[in-house]
Amino acid sequence: TTPVQIGVATNWTVISASYVNTFAI
């Protein structure tokens, strides 16, 4: 119910969420 960090990387630039998936670049 609140944001959780995914991994420790600090170089994410693109995010896309859909029905039951998420993708990132």
PDB file of all heavy atoms in Angstrom:
ATOM      1  N   THR A   1       0.809  -1.215   0.000  1.00  0.00           N
ATOM      2  CA  THR A   1       0.000   0.000   0.000  1.00  0.00           C
ATOM      3  C   THR A   1       0.846   1.271   0.000  1.00  0.00           C
ATOM      4  O   THR A   1       0.305   2.371  -0.041  1.00  0.00           O
ATOM      5  CB  THR A   1      -0.957   0.028   1.206  1.00  0.00           C
ATOM      6  OG1 THR A   1      -0.184  -0.016   2.416  1.00  0.00           O
ATOM      7  CG2 THR A   1      -1.902  -1.167   1.175  1.00  0.00           C
ATOM      8  N   THR A   2       2.154   1.116   0.050  1.00  0.00           N
ATOM      9  CA  THR A   2       3.072   2.240  -0.105  1.00  0.00           C
ATOM     10  C   THR A   2       4.213   1.785  -1.013  1.00  0.00           C
ATOM     11  O   THR A   2       4.476   0.582  -1.138  1.00  0.00           O
ATOM     12  CB  THR A   2       3.659   2.699   1.255  1.00  0.00           C
ATOM     13  OG1 THR A   2       4.312   1.590   1.884  1.00  0.00           O
ATOM     14  CG2 THR A   2       2.565   3.241   2.170  1.00  0.00           C
ATOM     15  N   PRO A   3       4.891   2.705  -1.672  1.00  0.00           N
ATOM     16  CA  PRO A   3       5.962   2.329  -2.596  1.00  0.00           C
ATOM     17  C   PRO A   3       7.078   1.527  -1.924  1.00  0.00           C
ATOM     18  O   PRO A   3       7.507   1.850  -0.814  1.00  0.00           O
ATOM     19  CB  PRO A   3       6.478   3.677  -3.096  1.00  0.00           C
ATOM     20  CG  PRO A   3       5.304   4.597  -2.959  1.00  0.00           C
ATOM     21  CD  PRO A   3       4.625   4.156  -1.697  1.00  0.00           C
ATOM     22  N   VAL A   4       7.524   0.460  -2.615  1.00  0.00           N
ATOM     23  CA  VAL A   4       8.672  -0.318  -2.154  1.00  0.00           C
ATOM     24  C   VAL A   4       9.746  -0.252  -3.238  1.00  0.00           C
ATOM     25  O   VAL A   4       9.440  -0.318  -4.426  1.00  0.00           O
ATOM     26  CB  VAL A   4       8.301  -1.790  -1.855  1.00  0.00           C
ATOM     27  CG1 VAL A   4       7.384  -1.875  -0.659  1.00  0.00           C
ATOM     28  CG2 VAL A   4       7.675  -2.456  -3.059  1.00  0.00           C
ATOM     29  N   GLN A   5      10.996  -0.108  -2.818  1.00  0.00           N
ATOM     30  CA  GLN A   5      12.082  -0.034  -3.792  1.00  0.00           C
ATOM     31  C   GLN A   5      12.402  -1.420  -4.325  1.00  0.00           C
ATOM     32  O   GLN A   5      12.459  -2.403  -3.582  1.00  0.00           O
ATOM     33  CB  GLN A   5      13.334   0.573  -3.171  1.00  0.00           C
ATOM     34  CG  GLN A   5      14.461   0.775  -4.181  1.00  0.00           C
ATOM     35  CD  GLN A   5      15.666   1.483  -3.609  1.00  0.00           C
ATOM     36  OE1 GLN A   5      15.630   1.984  -2.492  1.00  0.00           O
ATOM     37  NE2 GLN A   5      16.738   1.533  -4.372  1.00  0.00           N
ATOM     38  N   ILE A   6      12.628  -1.505  -5.638  1.00  0.00           N
ATOM     39  CA  ILE A   6      12.972  -2.752  -6.289  1.00  0.00           C
ATOM     40  C   ILE A   6      14.465  -2.754  -6.579  1.00  0.00           C
ATOM     41  O   ILE A   6      14.952  -1.994  -7.417  1.00  0.00           O
ATOM     42  CB  ILE A   6      12.158  -2.946  -7.588  1.00  0.00           C
ATOM     43  CG1 ILE A   6      10.668  -2.801  -7.311  1.00  0.00           C
ATOM     44  CG2 ILE A   6      12.474  -4.297  -8.214  1.00  0.00           C
ATOM     45  CD1 ILE A   6      10.123  -3.692  -6.211  1.00  0.00           C
ATOM     46  N   GLY A   7      15.187  -3.611  -5.865  1.00  0.00           N
ATOM     47  CA  GLY A   7      16.629  -3.664  -6.017  1.00  0.00           C
ATOM     48  C   GLY A   7      17.310  -2.420  -5.478  1.00  0.00           C
ATOM     49  O   GLY A   7      16.704  -1.628  -4.743  1.00  0.00           O
ATOM     50  N   VAL A   8      18.567  -2.245  -5.855  1.00  0.00           N
ATOM     51  CA  VAL A   8      19.342  -1.105  -5.362  1.00  0.00           C
ATOM     52  C   VAL A   8      19.889  -0.235  -6.493  1.00  0.00           C
ATOM     53  O   VAL A   8      20.562   0.766  -6.234  1.00  0.00           O
ATOM     54  CB  VAL A   8      20.521  -1.582  -4.478  1.00  0.00           C
ATOM     55  CG1 VAL A   8      19.998  -2.291  -3.237  1.00  0.00           C
ATOM     56  CG2 VAL A   8      21.461  -2.499  -5.264  1.00  0.00           C
ATOM     57  N   ALA A   9      19.590  -0.600  -7.730  1.00  0.00           N
ATOM     58  CA  ALA A   9      20.113   0.150  -8.870  1.00  0.00           C
ATOM     59  C   ALA A   9      19.594   1.587  -8.867  1.00  0.00           C
ATOM     60  O   ALA A   9      18.472   1.864  -8.431  1.00  0.00           O
ATOM     61  CB  ALA A   9      19.740  -0.539 -10.177  1.00  0.00           C
ATOM     62  N   THR A  10      20.408   2.484  -9.403  1.00  0.00           N
ATOM     63  CA  THR A  10      20.043   3.903  -9.467  1.00  0.00           C
ATOM     64  C   THR A  10      20.133   4.438 -10.891  1.00  0.00           C
ATOM     65  O   THR A  10      20.354   5.631 -11.102  1.00  0.00           O
ATOM     66  CB  THR A  10      20.960   4.740  -8.551  1.00  0.00           C
ATOM     67  OG1 THR A  10      22.320   4.558  -8.976  1.00  0.00           O
ATOM     68  CG2 THR A  10      20.822   4.325  -7.095  1.00  0.00           C
ATOM     69  N   ASN A  11      19.935   3.525 -11.868  1.00  0.00           N
ATOM     70  CA  ASN A  11      20.070   3.949 -13.265  1.00  0.00           C
ATOM     71  C   ASN A  11      18.844   3.618 -14.107  1.00  0.00           C
ATOM     72  O   ASN A  11      18.946   3.464 -15.317  1.00  0.00           O
ATOM     73  CB  ASN A  11      21.315   3.315 -13.878  1.00  0.00           C
ATOM     74  CG  ASN A  11      21.223   1.792 -13.970  1.00  0.00           C
ATOM     75  OD1 ASN A  11      20.387   1.167 -13.320  1.00  0.00           O
ATOM     76  ND2 ASN A  11      22.088   1.194 -14.778  1.00  0.00           N
ATOM     77  N   TRP A  12      17.664   3.504 -13.488  1.00  0.00           N
ATOM     78  CA  TRP A  12      16.444   3.228 -14.247  1.00  0.00           C
ATOM     79  C   TRP A  12      15.970   4.497 -14.963  1.00  0.00           C
ATOM     80  O   TRP A  12      16.044   5.598 -14.425  1.00  0.00           O
ATOM     81  CB  TRP A  12      15.352   2.707 -13.324  1.00  0.00           C
ATOM     82  CG  TRP A  12      15.695   1.405 -12.675  1.00  0.00           C
ATOM     83  CD1 TRP A  12      16.106   1.208 -11.382  1.00  0.00           C
ATOM     84  CD2 TRP A  12      15.679   0.118 -13.295  1.00  0.00           C
ATOM     85  NE1 TRP A  12      16.339  -0.130 -11.161  1.00  0.00           N
ATOM     86  CE2 TRP A  12      16.094  -0.821 -12.311  1.00  0.00           C
ATOM     87  CE3 TRP A  12      15.361  -0.341 -14.581  1.00  0.00           C
ATOM     88  CZ2 TRP A  12      16.176  -2.186 -12.573  1.00  0.00           C
ATOM     89  CZ3 TRP A  12      15.450  -1.699 -14.838  1.00  0.00           C
ATOM     90  CH2 TRP A  12      15.857  -2.614 -13.850  1.00  0.00           C
ATOM     91  N   THR A  13      15.476   4.324 -16.185  1.00  0.00           N
ATOM     92  CA  THR A  13      15.043   5.484 -16.970  1.00  0.00           C
ATOM     93  C   THR A  13      13.631   5.353 -17.537  1.00  0.00           C
ATOM     94  O   THR A  13      12.964   6.356 -17.776  1.00  0.00           O
ATOM     95  CB  THR A  13      16.006   5.719 -18.153  1.00  0.00           C
ATOM     96  OG1 THR A  13      16.064   4.532 -18.955  1.00  0.00           O
ATOM     97  CG2 THR A  13      17.399   6.072 -17.653  1.00  0.00           C
ATOM     98  N   VAL A  14      13.160   4.116 -17.780  1.00  0.00           N
ATOM     99  CA  VAL A  14      11.845   3.892 -18.386  1.00  0.00           C
ATOM    100  C   VAL A  14      11.093   2.862 -17.562  1.00  0.00           C
ATOM    101  O   VAL A  14      11.670   1.855 -17.135  1.00  0.00           O
ATOM    102  CB  VAL A  14      11.983   3.381 -19.843  1.00  0.00           C
ATOM    103  CG1 VAL A  14      10.618   3.060 -20.433  1.00  0.00           C
ATOM    104  CG2 VAL A  14      12.720   4.398 -20.696  1.00  0.00           C
ATOM    105  N   ILE A  15       9.798   3.111 -17.336  1.00  0.00           N
ATOM    106  CA  ILE A  15       8.962   2.158 -16.608  1.00  0.00           C
ATOM    107  C   ILE A  15       7.615   2.038 -17.314  1.00  0.00           C
ATOM    108  O   ILE A  15       7.097   3.029 -17.832  1.00  0.00           O
ATOM    109  CB  ILE A  15       8.769   2.592 -15.133  1.00  0.00           C
ATOM    110  CG1 ILE A  15       8.061   1.506 -14.332  1.00  0.00           C
ATOM    111  CG2 ILE A  15       8.025   3.916 -15.023  1.00  0.00           C
ATOM    112  CD1 ILE A  15       8.923   0.335 -14.006  1.00  0.00           C
ATOM    113  N   SER A  16       7.076   0.822 -17.362  1.00  0.00           N
ATOM    114  CA  SER A  16       5.762   0.616 -17.966  1.00  0.00           C
ATOM    115  C   SER A  16       5.047  -0.509 -17.239  1.00  0.00           C
ATOM    116  O   SER A  16       5.550  -1.633 -17.167  1.00  0.00           O
ATOM    117  CB  SER A  16       5.896   0.279 -19.451  1.00  0.00           C
ATOM    118  OG  SER A  16       4.624   0.156 -20.052  1.00  0.00           O
ATOM    119  N   ALA A  17       3.884  -0.207 -16.669  1.00  0.00           N
ATOM    120  CA  ALA A  17       3.074  -1.191 -15.957  1.00  0.00           C
ATOM    121  C   ALA A  17       1.834  -1.500 -16.779  1.00  0.00           C
ATOM    122  O   ALA A  17       1.278  -0.629 -17.447  1.00  0.00           O
ATOM    123  CB  ALA A  17       2.673  -0.653 -14.587  1.00  0.00           C
ATOM    124  N   SER A  18       1.396  -2.775 -16.733  1.00  0.00           N
ATOM    125  CA  SER A  18       0.181  -3.139 -17.466  1.00  0.00           C
ATOM    126  C   SER A  18      -0.748  -3.908 -16.553  1.00  0.00           C
ATOM    127  O   SER A  18      -0.814  -3.664 -15.348  1.00  0.00           O
ATOM    128  CB  SER A  18       0.537  -3.960 -18.710  1.00  0.00           C
ATOM    129  OG  SER A  18       0.924  -5.267 -18.345  1.00  0.00           O
ATOM    130  N   TYR A  19      -1.442  -4.888 -17.103  1.00  0.00           N
ATOM    131  CA  TYR A  19      -2.443  -5.650 -16.365  1.00  0.00           C
ATOM    132  C   TYR A  19      -1.836  -6.313 -15.134  1.00  0.00           C
ATOM    133  O   TYR A  19      -2.182  -5.982 -14.003  1.00  0.00           O
ATOM    134  CB  TYR A  19      -3.067  -6.673 -17.319  1.00  0.00           C
ATOM    135  CG  TYR A  19      -4.131  -7.540 -16.718  1.00  0.00           C
ATOM    136  CD1 TYR A  19      -5.167  -6.991 -15.957  1.00  0.00           C
ATOM    137  CD2 TYR A  19      -4.123  -8.923 -16.919  1.00  0.00           C
ATOM    138  CE1 TYR A  19      -6.150  -7.794 -15.412  1.00  0.00           C
ATOM    139  CE2 TYR A  19      -5.109  -9.724 -16.374  1.00  0.00           C
ATOM    140  CZ  TYR A  19      -6.111  -9.162 -15.621  1.00  0.00           C
ATOM    141  OH  TYR A  19      -7.076  -9.962 -15.080  1.00  0.00           O
ATOM    142  N   VAL A  20      -0.933  -7.264 -15.308  1.00  0.00           N
ATOM    143  CA  VAL A  20      -0.267  -7.922 -14.181  1.00  0.00           C
ATOM    144  C   VAL A  20       1.226  -8.074 -14.469  1.00  0.00           C
ATOM    145  O   VAL A  20       1.850  -9.066 -14.098  1.00  0.00           O
ATOM    146  CB  VAL A  20      -0.898  -9.292 -13.857  1.00  0.00           C
ATOM    147  CG1 VAL A  20      -2.190  -9.114 -13.090  1.00  0.00           C
ATOM    148  CG2 VAL A  20      -1.140 -10.102 -15.123  1.00  0.00           C
ATOM    149  N   ASN A  21       1.799  -7.099 -15.145  1.00  0.00           N
ATOM    150  CA  ASN A  21       3.218  -7.103 -15.470  1.00  0.00           C
ATOM    151  C   ASN A  21       3.808  -5.720 -15.276  1.00  0.00           C
ATOM    152  O   ASN A  21       3.089  -4.717 -15.261  1.00  0.00           O
ATOM    153  CB  ASN A  21       3.473  -7.505 -16.926  1.00  0.00           C
ATOM    154  CG  ASN A  21       3.133  -8.930 -17.219  1.00  0.00           C
ATOM    155  OD1 ASN A  21       2.072  -9.200 -17.750  1.00  0.00           O
ATOM    156  ND2 ASN A  21       4.013  -9.848 -16.884  1.00  0.00           N
ATOM    157  N   THR A  22       5.125  -5.693 -15.179  1.00  0.00           N
ATOM    158  CA  THR A  22       5.854  -4.437 -15.186  1.00  0.00           C
ATOM    159  C   THR A  22       7.143  -4.648 -15.970  1.00  0.00           C
ATOM    160  O   THR A  22       7.760  -5.708 -15.880  1.00  0.00           O
ATOM    161  CB  THR A  22       6.198  -3.979 -13.758  1.00  0.00           C
ATOM    162  OG1 THR A  22       5.025  -4.034 -12.943  1.00  0.00           O
ATOM    163  CG2 THR A  22       6.735  -2.552 -13.753  1.00  0.00           C
ATOM    164  N   PHE A  23       7.517  -3.643 -16.751  1.00  0.00           N
ATOM    165  CA  PHE A  23       8.781  -3.671 -17.487  1.00  0.00           C
ATOM    166  C   PHE A  23       9.537  -2.381 -17.216  1.00  0.00           C
ATOM    167  O   PHE A  23       8.938  -1.329 -16.972  1.00  0.00           O
ATOM    168  CB  PHE A  23       8.545  -3.811 -18.997  1.00  0.00           C
ATOM    169  CG  PHE A  23       8.271  -5.207 -19.443  1.00  0.00           C
ATOM    170  CD1 PHE A  23       7.033  -5.783 -19.255  1.00  0.00           C
ATOM    171  CD2 PHE A  23       9.262  -5.961 -20.054  1.00  0.00           C
ATOM    172  CE1 PHE A  23       6.765  -7.082 -19.666  1.00  0.00           C
ATOM    173  CE2 PHE A  23       9.021  -7.260 -20.466  1.00  0.00           C
ATOM    174  CZ  PHE A  23       7.769  -7.824 -20.272  1.00  0.00           C
ATOM    175  N   ALA A  24      10.859  -2.464 -17.273  1.00  0.00           N
ATOM    176  CA  ALA A  24      11.686  -1.282 -17.058  1.00  0.00           C
ATOM    177  C   ALA A  24      12.947  -1.376 -17.897  1.00  0.00           C
ATOM    178  O   ALA A  24      13.423  -2.468 -18.221  1.00  0.00           O
ATOM    179  CB  ALA A  24      12.043  -1.136 -15.580  1.00  0.00           C
ATOM    180  N   ILE A  25      13.480  -0.226 -18.246  1.00  0.00           N
ATOM    181  CA  ILE A  25      14.717  -0.119 -19.003  1.00  0.00           C
ATOM    182  C   ILE A  25      15.674   0.760 -18.208  1.00  0.00           C
ATOM    183  O   ILE A  25      15.272   1.790 -17.645  1.00  0.00           O
ATOM    184  CB  ILE A  25      14.469   0.503 -20.394  1.00  0.00           C
ATOM    185  CG1 ILE A  25      13.496  -0.375 -21.203  1.00  0.00           C
ATOM    186  CG2 ILE A  25      15.783   0.689 -21.156  1.00  0.00           C
ATOM    187  CD1 ILE A  25      13.038   0.261 -22.496  1.00  0.00           C
TER     188      ILE A  25
END
